[in-house]
Structure formats: C-alpha cells, structure tokens
C-alpha cells in the first residue's frame, strides 16, 4: 500500500495548521468539479490554499500511481541510475517526490509548471526530500516550449490528458528528445487517459523508443474497442485525507495508465503483463495478460504445483515470466 514519504506528510500537516478543514474540503470539491468540466489546472488552482487542498486530497493517489509506474520501469529495464530529473507539468511536485523515493541518488531536479500556487507548494514539499540534490523551479507554459533541458529521467504525470490529443503527441516527442535514459508518462486510468498514451506510444516507437512498461513488446497495441489498459495503486489515507474526502475507508484505489520508454532496449525476457484481476477456481488460476501475440488468458492447473503456486502470487500489473523464477517456485 502506497504512502507519501514521512517528510512530505509532516510538511503537509504543518502547512495545514490553522486552516479550517471545511474550507479545504470546499476548495477540493470545487477543484474536482473544475477538472470534471475539462478545464485545466490554471482554472482549478487559483491560490496557495487551493494547491494545499489538492495536495491533501489528490497527492497521495497520484504519488502512488507514479511510484508504481517508476517501479515498473526499474523492474523492466534493469538497474537505472539517473542523476538528473525533469518533472514537466509538475503540479505540487508529486512525480519528483516519487522519483526521489525510488532514485535517492538524484543530483539535480528541475520542476516545470505554469501554475504559481502549484510551484510555490512544489518548492516547499520537494525541498523536504531533496536536501542533497540541486533543485530548480521554473514557471513556464510547457506547451510553448520548442525544446526542454535534457535529463536522464523525464516525467510528465497527469499532464497529457489536459491537452488536445495532437498537442499531446507533439509535446511527448519533445520530451522524448530531452530524455537521456528514460521517459515516463502517467495518466488517469480512464479510456481517455489510455487512448492518449496509446497514440503517444505509436508516435514515439516511430521515433526509435523502446517500450519498457507496461507493454512487453513494440507490436500494435491489442486494446481496441471498449478495452483499455489500466492498473491500480492502493493508497493509504490519513485522517485528514478521509475527512476532506468524507470517506469511511482507510484506503483508496487509484486507477492509472502509464507508459515507460527507454533509450537502450530493455533487457527483458519473453513475458506477459497481467492486465486485469486473476480468476482463482478449484481447478486453477487464470491470468488475463498481454504479450507479443496480443491479449491472452494464461492458465495454471493445480496439478502443476510450481506453476500454480507462482501464478497465485502474481497480481494485476505484474509480469509473468515464461520461466518460473526458482525462488518463487520453491518458496
């Protein structure tokens, strides 16, 4: 279960001292409605209080989604050691915080957004976790950039869905050009969010990109019609989070879609990605998965003890290795 780093949670509590929770909840509701009306963050985030309300209600979920996407990149592409990071459309710095959590040796991070309240908060929150790295915060409209500063790792989290589809693909190509090692894009796990990434995937493969995750191939995406590819990040809710969202559960599930691309072909084995919940019956385990041949359902009978044990341990979003890892098969 995902949880924001303790330094960030502590800083949010400090910033929330003396601020009425009813006011934050009201601001959060207005922000949500603004996004539902297809308006962007410039219209939603008008003040530092708005940015704080967003961070306390949405940041845990977007952090969880981005962290899972970055971990999938590491799992697929092997050990990466980015020294520099560019976080485009950074919002309150969520993707940078997730990246620092996974790549603690980052030496330089650049955060870019055109929303002043978001940048003010990002400077504060990211500053609490990157004490050993140089940080730059740039107020800039990313849609007007012809080029971006080069970085080992470039991230755009919950950015593309706010843009016109044609503009999103143009921006993605510019971000790919700025990526020295890897580019990671994360979007809401909606049909619209997925289709946006699907178009970008096609465009960047034509630019020579290798897809590290979630795809295990560069073949035509088999998700057509009403099918779309998304994954889940389970997020632990704080007391304030539950209060502001008027939620009873101590957790929430964030559906998300993502695309992780690398310069050097990922050293992946022939495998599949699980794209939905598994089905476990008295007979065995069935896993809906995607591989080079397209969408398939993989089966493991109870009679095949090692394979059955391995399949039962796998979850939605995991990869299925053709050769069962011995450590799992014997565990």
Protein backbone atom coordinates (compact mmCIF):
# COMPACT_ATOMS: atom_id res chain seq x y z
CA UNK A 1 0.00 0.00 0.00
CA UNK A 2 1.42 3.35 -1.05
CA UNK A 3 2.15 6.10 1.44
CA UNK A 4 3.69 9.54 0.94
CA UNK A 5 7.17 9.91 2.46
CA UNK A 6 7.04 10.91 6.12
CA UNK A 7 8.80 14.24 5.48
CA UNK A 8 6.10 15.23 2.97
CA UNK A 9 3.26 14.11 5.23
CA UNK A 10 4.78 16.08 8.09
CA UNK A 11 5.17 19.19 5.94
CA UNK A 12 1.54 18.99 4.76
CA UNK A 13 0.41 18.79 8.38
CA UNK A 14 2.47 21.89 9.19
CA UNK A 15 1.03 23.80 6.25
CA UNK A 16 -2.47 22.76 7.25
CA UNK A 17 -2.21 24.09 10.79
CA UNK A 18 -4.76 26.81 11.42
CA UNK A 19 -6.55 26.18 8.12
CA UNK A 20 -10.18 25.16 8.52
CA UNK A 21 -10.79 21.69 7.16
CA UNK A 22 -14.24 22.74 5.95
CA UNK A 23 -12.61 25.40 3.78
CA UNK A 24 -10.12 22.89 2.35
CA UNK A 25 -12.93 20.41 1.66
CA UNK A 26 -14.91 23.10 -0.16
CA UNK A 27 -11.89 24.03 -2.24
CA UNK A 28 -11.24 20.37 -3.03
CA UNK A 29 -14.83 19.91 -4.25
CA UNK A 30 -14.54 22.97 -6.49
CA UNK A 31 -11.22 21.77 -7.92
CA UNK A 32 -12.67 18.32 -8.65
CA UNK A 33 -15.63 19.86 -10.44
CA UNK A 34 -13.34 22.11 -12.47
CA UNK A 35 -11.38 19.11 -13.72
CA UNK A 36 -14.59 17.20 -14.45
CA UNK A 37 -15.65 20.14 -16.62
CA UNK A 38 -12.50 19.54 -18.73
CA UNK A 39 -10.75 22.67 -17.53
CA UNK A 40 -7.06 22.59 -16.67
CA UNK A 41 -5.05 23.30 -13.52
CA UNK A 42 -4.76 27.01 -14.33
CA UNK A 43 -8.51 27.29 -13.84
CA UNK A 44 -8.59 24.92 -10.86
CA UNK A 45 -5.66 26.21 -8.81
CA UNK A 46 -6.10 29.88 -8.02
CA UNK A 47 -4.34 30.24 -4.65
CA UNK A 48 -1.90 28.57 -2.27
CA UNK A 49 -4.91 27.33 -0.29
CA UNK A 50 -6.27 25.65 -3.42
CA UNK A 51 -2.91 23.95 -4.02
CA UNK A 52 -2.85 22.75 -0.42
CA UNK A 53 -6.39 21.37 -0.69
CA UNK A 54 -5.38 19.49 -3.83
CA UNK A 55 -2.24 18.11 -2.22
CA UNK A 56 -4.08 16.86 0.83
CA UNK A 57 -6.79 15.11 -1.20
CA UNK A 58 -5.24 14.05 -4.53
CA UNK A 59 -1.49 13.94 -3.98
CA UNK A 60 -1.45 10.57 -2.14
CA UNK A 61 -3.18 8.88 -5.10
CA UNK A 62 -1.12 10.48 -7.86
CA UNK A 63 2.04 9.74 -5.87
CA UNK A 64 1.01 6.08 -5.58
CA UNK A 65 0.31 5.80 -9.30
CA UNK A 66 3.56 7.49 -10.33
CA UNK A 67 5.60 5.43 -7.88
CA UNK A 68 4.17 2.20 -9.32
CA UNK A 69 4.94 3.34 -12.86
CA UNK A 70 8.53 4.18 -11.93
CA UNK A 71 8.98 0.85 -10.16
CA UNK A 72 7.67 -0.93 -13.26
CA UNK A 73 10.32 0.93 -15.28
CA UNK A 74 13.04 -0.29 -12.93
CA UNK A 75 11.72 -3.85 -12.96
CA UNK A 76 11.60 -3.93 -16.77
CA UNK A 77 14.72 -2.01 -17.71
CA UNK A 78 17.09 -3.21 -15.04
CA UNK A 79 19.06 -1.02 -12.64
CA UNK A 80 18.83 2.62 -13.69
CA UNK A 81 20.90 5.32 -12.06
CA UNK A 82 19.58 8.69 -13.26
CA UNK A 83 21.49 11.67 -11.93
CA UNK A 84 19.16 14.30 -13.37
CA UNK A 85 15.36 14.62 -13.45
CA UNK A 86 12.96 16.86 -15.37
CA UNK A 87 9.41 16.93 -13.99
CA UNK A 88 7.20 18.59 -16.63
CA UNK A 89 3.79 19.90 -15.54
CA UNK A 90 4.99 19.14 -12.03
CA UNK A 91 1.97 20.39 -10.06
CA UNK A 92 2.86 20.21 -6.35
CA UNK A 93 5.95 18.13 -7.14
CA UNK A 94 4.32 14.72 -6.80
CA UNK A 95 6.30 12.91 -9.52
CA UNK A 96 9.60 14.32 -8.26
CA UNK A 97 8.83 13.11 -4.75
CA UNK A 98 8.05 9.64 -6.14
CA UNK A 99 11.26 9.65 -8.21
CA UNK A 100 13.43 10.70 -5.26
CA UNK A 101 11.88 7.89 -3.24
CA UNK A 102 12.96 5.32 -5.87
CA UNK A 103 16.16 7.02 -7.08
CA UNK A 104 17.64 8.57 -3.90
CA UNK A 105 20.93 9.40 -5.65
CA UNK A 106 19.42 12.05 -7.93
CA UNK A 107 21.75 15.04 -8.02
CA UNK A 108 19.71 17.61 -9.92
CA UNK A 109 15.95 18.03 -10.30
CA UNK A 110 14.09 20.57 -12.43
CA UNK A 111 10.39 21.21 -11.84
CA UNK A 112 8.41 23.00 -14.54
CA UNK A 113 4.83 24.28 -14.48
CA UNK A 114 2.94 27.44 -15.34
CA UNK A 115 0.80 27.49 -12.19
CA UNK A 116 2.22 29.75 -9.50
CA UNK A 117 0.41 28.24 -6.46
CA UNK A 118 1.47 24.75 -7.52
CA UNK A 119 5.10 25.82 -7.96
CA UNK A 120 5.18 27.51 -4.55
CA UNK A 121 3.94 24.33 -2.91
CA UNK A 122 6.24 22.13 -5.02
CA UNK A 123 9.25 24.17 -3.95
CA UNK A 124 8.26 23.62 -0.31
CA UNK A 125 7.34 19.93 -0.44
CA UNK A 126 10.13 18.75 -2.75
CA UNK A 127 12.59 20.75 -0.69
CA UNK A 128 11.76 18.49 2.25
CA UNK A 129 13.06 15.38 0.42
CA UNK A 130 15.90 16.59 -1.83
CA UNK A 131 18.27 18.14 0.67
CA UNK A 132 21.27 16.55 -1.10
CA UNK A 133 20.21 17.50 -4.63
CA UNK A 134 20.18 20.77 -6.53
CA UNK A 135 16.62 21.88 -7.29
CA UNK A 136 15.32 24.37 -9.86
CA UNK A 137 11.70 25.53 -10.13
CA UNK A 138 10.71 27.07 -13.47
CA UNK A 139 7.45 28.94 -14.13
CA UNK A 140 6.78 28.18 -17.77
CA UNK A 141 3.98 27.13 -20.12
CA UNK A 142 5.22 23.73 -21.30
CA UNK A 143 3.01 23.82 -24.40
CA UNK A 144 5.06 26.73 -25.74
CA UNK A 145 8.49 25.11 -25.33
CA UNK A 146 10.29 24.20 -28.52
CA UNK A 147 12.87 22.22 -26.55
CA UNK A 148 13.37 21.11 -22.96
CA UNK A 149 16.53 20.80 -20.86
CA UNK A 150 18.00 17.32 -21.19
CA UNK A 151 17.71 14.99 -18.20
CA UNK A 152 18.42 11.33 -17.59
CA UNK A 153 14.82 10.81 -16.49
CA UNK A 154 11.89 12.89 -17.74
CA UNK A 155 8.42 12.54 -16.17
CA UNK A 156 5.05 14.02 -17.10
CA UNK A 157 2.41 12.85 -14.63
CA UNK A 158 -1.29 13.61 -15.18
CA UNK A 159 -0.37 16.16 -17.84
CA UNK A 160 -1.26 14.84 -21.30
CA UNK A 161 -4.96 14.33 -20.60
CA UNK A 162 -5.34 18.10 -20.16
CA UNK A 163 -4.08 18.74 -23.68
CA UNK A 164 -5.54 18.43 -27.16
CA UNK A 165 -4.55 14.95 -28.49
CA UNK A 166 -2.47 16.36 -31.35
CA UNK A 167 -0.66 18.73 -28.99
CA UNK A 168 -0.04 15.88 -26.53
CA UNK A 169 1.81 13.82 -29.14
CA UNK A 170 3.90 16.85 -30.19
CA UNK A 171 4.81 17.53 -26.57
CA UNK A 172 5.65 13.86 -25.99
CA UNK A 173 8.10 13.90 -28.90
CA UNK A 174 9.84 16.94 -27.40
CA UNK A 175 10.04 15.25 -24.01
CA UNK A 176 11.44 12.10 -25.62
CA UNK A 177 14.12 14.23 -27.30
CA UNK A 178 15.03 15.59 -23.85
CA UNK A 179 15.23 12.13 -22.24
CA UNK A 180 18.78 10.80 -21.99
CA UNK A 181 17.76 7.49 -20.40
CA UNK A 182 14.01 7.21 -19.89
CA UNK A 183 10.65 8.94 -20.26
CA UNK A 184 7.70 8.08 -18.01
CA UNK A 185 4.16 9.30 -18.66
CA UNK A 186 1.31 8.69 -16.19
CA UNK A 187 -2.36 9.47 -16.77
CA UNK A 188 -5.74 8.73 -15.17
CA UNK A 189 -6.83 5.14 -15.74
CA UNK A 190 -9.75 6.17 -17.92
CA UNK A 191 -10.42 5.29 -21.57
CA UNK A 192 -9.44 8.85 -22.48
CA UNK A 193 -6.20 8.71 -20.48
CA UNK A 194 -5.26 5.37 -22.02
CA UNK A 195 -6.08 6.39 -25.60
CA UNK A 196 -3.90 9.47 -25.19
CA UNK A 197 -0.97 7.25 -24.15
CA UNK A 198 -1.78 4.76 -26.90
CA UNK A 199 -1.38 7.50 -29.53
CA UNK A 200 1.84 8.69 -27.91
CA UNK A 201 3.18 5.12 -27.81
CA UNK A 202 2.72 4.80 -31.56
CA UNK A 203 4.35 8.18 -32.18
CA UNK A 204 7.40 7.51 -30.00
CA UNK A 205 8.03 3.99 -31.26
CA UNK A 206 8.35 5.60 -34.69
CA UNK A 207 10.99 7.86 -33.11
CA UNK A 208 13.01 4.83 -32.02
CA UNK A 209 11.80 4.47 -28.44
CA UNK A 210 11.74 1.10 -26.70
CA UNK A 211 8.72 0.45 -24.50
CA UNK A 212 9.88 -0.84 -21.12
CA UNK A 213 6.46 -1.00 -19.45
CA UNK A 214 3.64 -1.77 -19.25
CA UNK A 215 3.99 -3.29 -22.74
CA UNK A 216 6.41 -6.18 -23.14
CA UNK A 217 6.71 -5.51 -26.87
CA UNK A 218 6.52 -2.79 -29.53
CA UNK A 219 3.83 -4.54 -31.57
CA UNK A 220 0.49 -2.89 -32.29
CA UNK A 221 -1.46 -2.44 -29.06
CA UNK A 222 -4.25 -5.08 -28.92
CA UNK A 223 -6.50 -2.95 -26.71
CA UNK A 224 -9.28 -1.91 -29.09
CA UNK A 225 -12.96 -1.07 -28.89
CA UNK A 226 -14.14 -0.83 -25.31
CA UNK A 227 -10.94 -2.36 -23.90
CA UNK A 228 -8.36 -0.15 -22.28
CA UNK A 229 -5.22 -0.78 -20.28
CA UNK A 230 -5.10 0.47 -16.70
CA UNK A 231 -3.67 -0.52 -13.35
CA UNK A 232 -4.38 0.15 -9.69
CA UNK A 233 -2.44 1.84 -6.91
CA UNK A 234 -3.81 1.26 -3.41
CA UNK A 235 -3.23 4.34 -1.29
CA UNK A 236 -3.35 4.67 2.48
CA UNK A 237 -5.49 7.58 3.65
CA UNK A 238 -4.52 9.83 6.52
CA UNK A 239 -7.08 11.17 8.97
CA UNK A 240 -7.19 14.50 7.11
CA UNK A 241 -7.48 12.70 3.78
CA UNK A 242 -10.53 10.76 4.97
CA UNK A 243 -12.07 13.86 6.48
CA UNK A 244 -11.63 16.07 3.43
CA UNK A 245 -12.98 13.39 1.08
CA UNK A 246 -15.71 12.37 3.52
CA UNK A 247 -14.51 8.79 3.12
CA UNK A 248 -15.02 5.89 5.50
CA UNK A 249 -12.31 3.54 4.22
CA UNK A 250 -8.68 3.87 5.36
CA UNK A 251 -7.52 3.42 1.76
CA UNK A 252 -8.50 4.20 -1.81
CA UNK A 253 -7.69 2.60 -5.16
CA UNK A 254 -6.35 4.90 -7.86
CA UNK A 255 -6.79 3.62 -11.43
CA UNK A 256 -4.00 4.83 -13.68
CA UNK A 257 -2.43 4.28 -17.09
CA UNK A 258 1.26 4.73 -17.83
CA UNK A 259 3.97 4.43 -20.42
CA UNK A 260 7.68 3.99 -19.66
CA UNK A 261 10.13 4.28 -22.56
CA UNK A 262 13.89 3.87 -22.65
CA UNK A 263 16.78 4.71 -24.96
CA UNK A 264 18.53 1.38 -24.62
CA UNK A 265 16.39 -1.69 -25.34
CA UNK A 266 15.17 -3.14 -22.06
CA UNK A 267 16.86 -6.42 -21.17
CA UNK A 268 13.53 -8.12 -20.68
CA UNK A 269 12.77 -11.77 -21.16
CA UNK A 270 9.83 -13.07 -23.14
CA UNK A 271 6.95 -12.38 -20.80
CA UNK A 272 3.41 -11.08 -20.38
CA UNK A 273 1.83 -8.27 -18.34
CA UNK A 274 -1.27 -9.04 -16.27
CA UNK A 275 -3.93 -6.54 -17.34
CA UNK A 276 -6.86 -7.39 -15.04
CA UNK A 277 -7.71 -9.32 -11.88
CA UNK A 278 -6.88 -13.02 -11.78
CA UNK A 279 -9.55 -15.72 -11.50
CA UNK A 280 -8.94 -18.46 -8.95
CA UNK A 281 -11.12 -21.58 -9.02
CA UNK A 282 -10.95 -25.13 -7.69
CA UNK A 283 -9.30 -26.11 -10.96
CA UNK A 284 -6.54 -23.48 -11.06
CA UNK A 285 -5.60 -19.87 -11.73
CA UNK A 286 -6.33 -17.80 -14.85
CA UNK A 287 -4.49 -14.57 -15.62
CA UNK A 288 -5.70 -12.06 -18.25
CA UNK A 289 -2.47 -10.91 -19.86
CA UNK A 290 -0.90 -9.08 -22.78
CA UNK A 291 2.16 -10.28 -24.68
CA UNK A 292 3.70 -10.21 -28.14
CA UNK A 293 0.83 -12.27 -29.53
CA UNK A 294 -1.76 -9.90 -28.07
CA UNK A 295 -4.31 -10.49 -25.35
CA UNK A 296 -4.32 -13.97 -23.85
CA UNK A 297 -5.59 -15.81 -20.79
CA UNK A 298 -2.81 -17.76 -19.11
CA UNK A 299 -3.76 -20.82 -17.06
CA UNK A 300 -2.07 -22.78 -14.29
CA UNK A 301 -3.70 -26.01 -13.17
CA UNK A 302 -3.49 -27.14 -9.56
CA UNK A 303 -1.85 -30.26 -10.88
CA UNK A 304 1.15 -28.16 -11.95
CA UNK A 305 2.14 -27.33 -8.38
CA UNK A 306 5.06 -24.98 -9.05
CA UNK A 307 3.32 -23.00 -11.78
CA UNK A 308 0.10 -22.83 -9.75
CA UNK A 309 1.96 -21.51 -6.71
CA UNK A 310 3.73 -18.92 -8.87
CA UNK A 311 0.54 -17.74 -10.58
CA UNK A 312 -1.29 -17.36 -7.25
CA UNK A 313 1.36 -14.90 -6.08
CA UNK A 314 1.00 -12.64 -9.09
CA UNK A 315 -1.17 -9.52 -9.09
CA UNK A 316 -2.72 -7.20 -11.63
CA UNK A 317 0.14 -5.23 -13.20
CA UNK A 318 2.86 -7.83 -12.59
CA UNK A 319 4.77 -9.51 -15.40
CA UNK A 320 4.52 -13.26 -15.95
CA UNK A 321 7.86 -14.84 -16.75
CA UNK A 322 7.89 -17.78 -19.14
CA UNK A 323 10.48 -19.44 -16.94
CA UNK A 324 9.18 -19.59 -13.38
CA UNK A 325 11.76 -17.96 -11.06
CA UNK A 326 13.19 -20.71 -8.87
CA UNK A 327 12.95 -18.59 -5.74
CA UNK A 328 9.20 -18.27 -6.28
CA UNK A 329 8.64 -21.80 -7.45
CA UNK A 330 10.29 -23.27 -4.39
CA UNK A 331 9.09 -20.74 -1.80
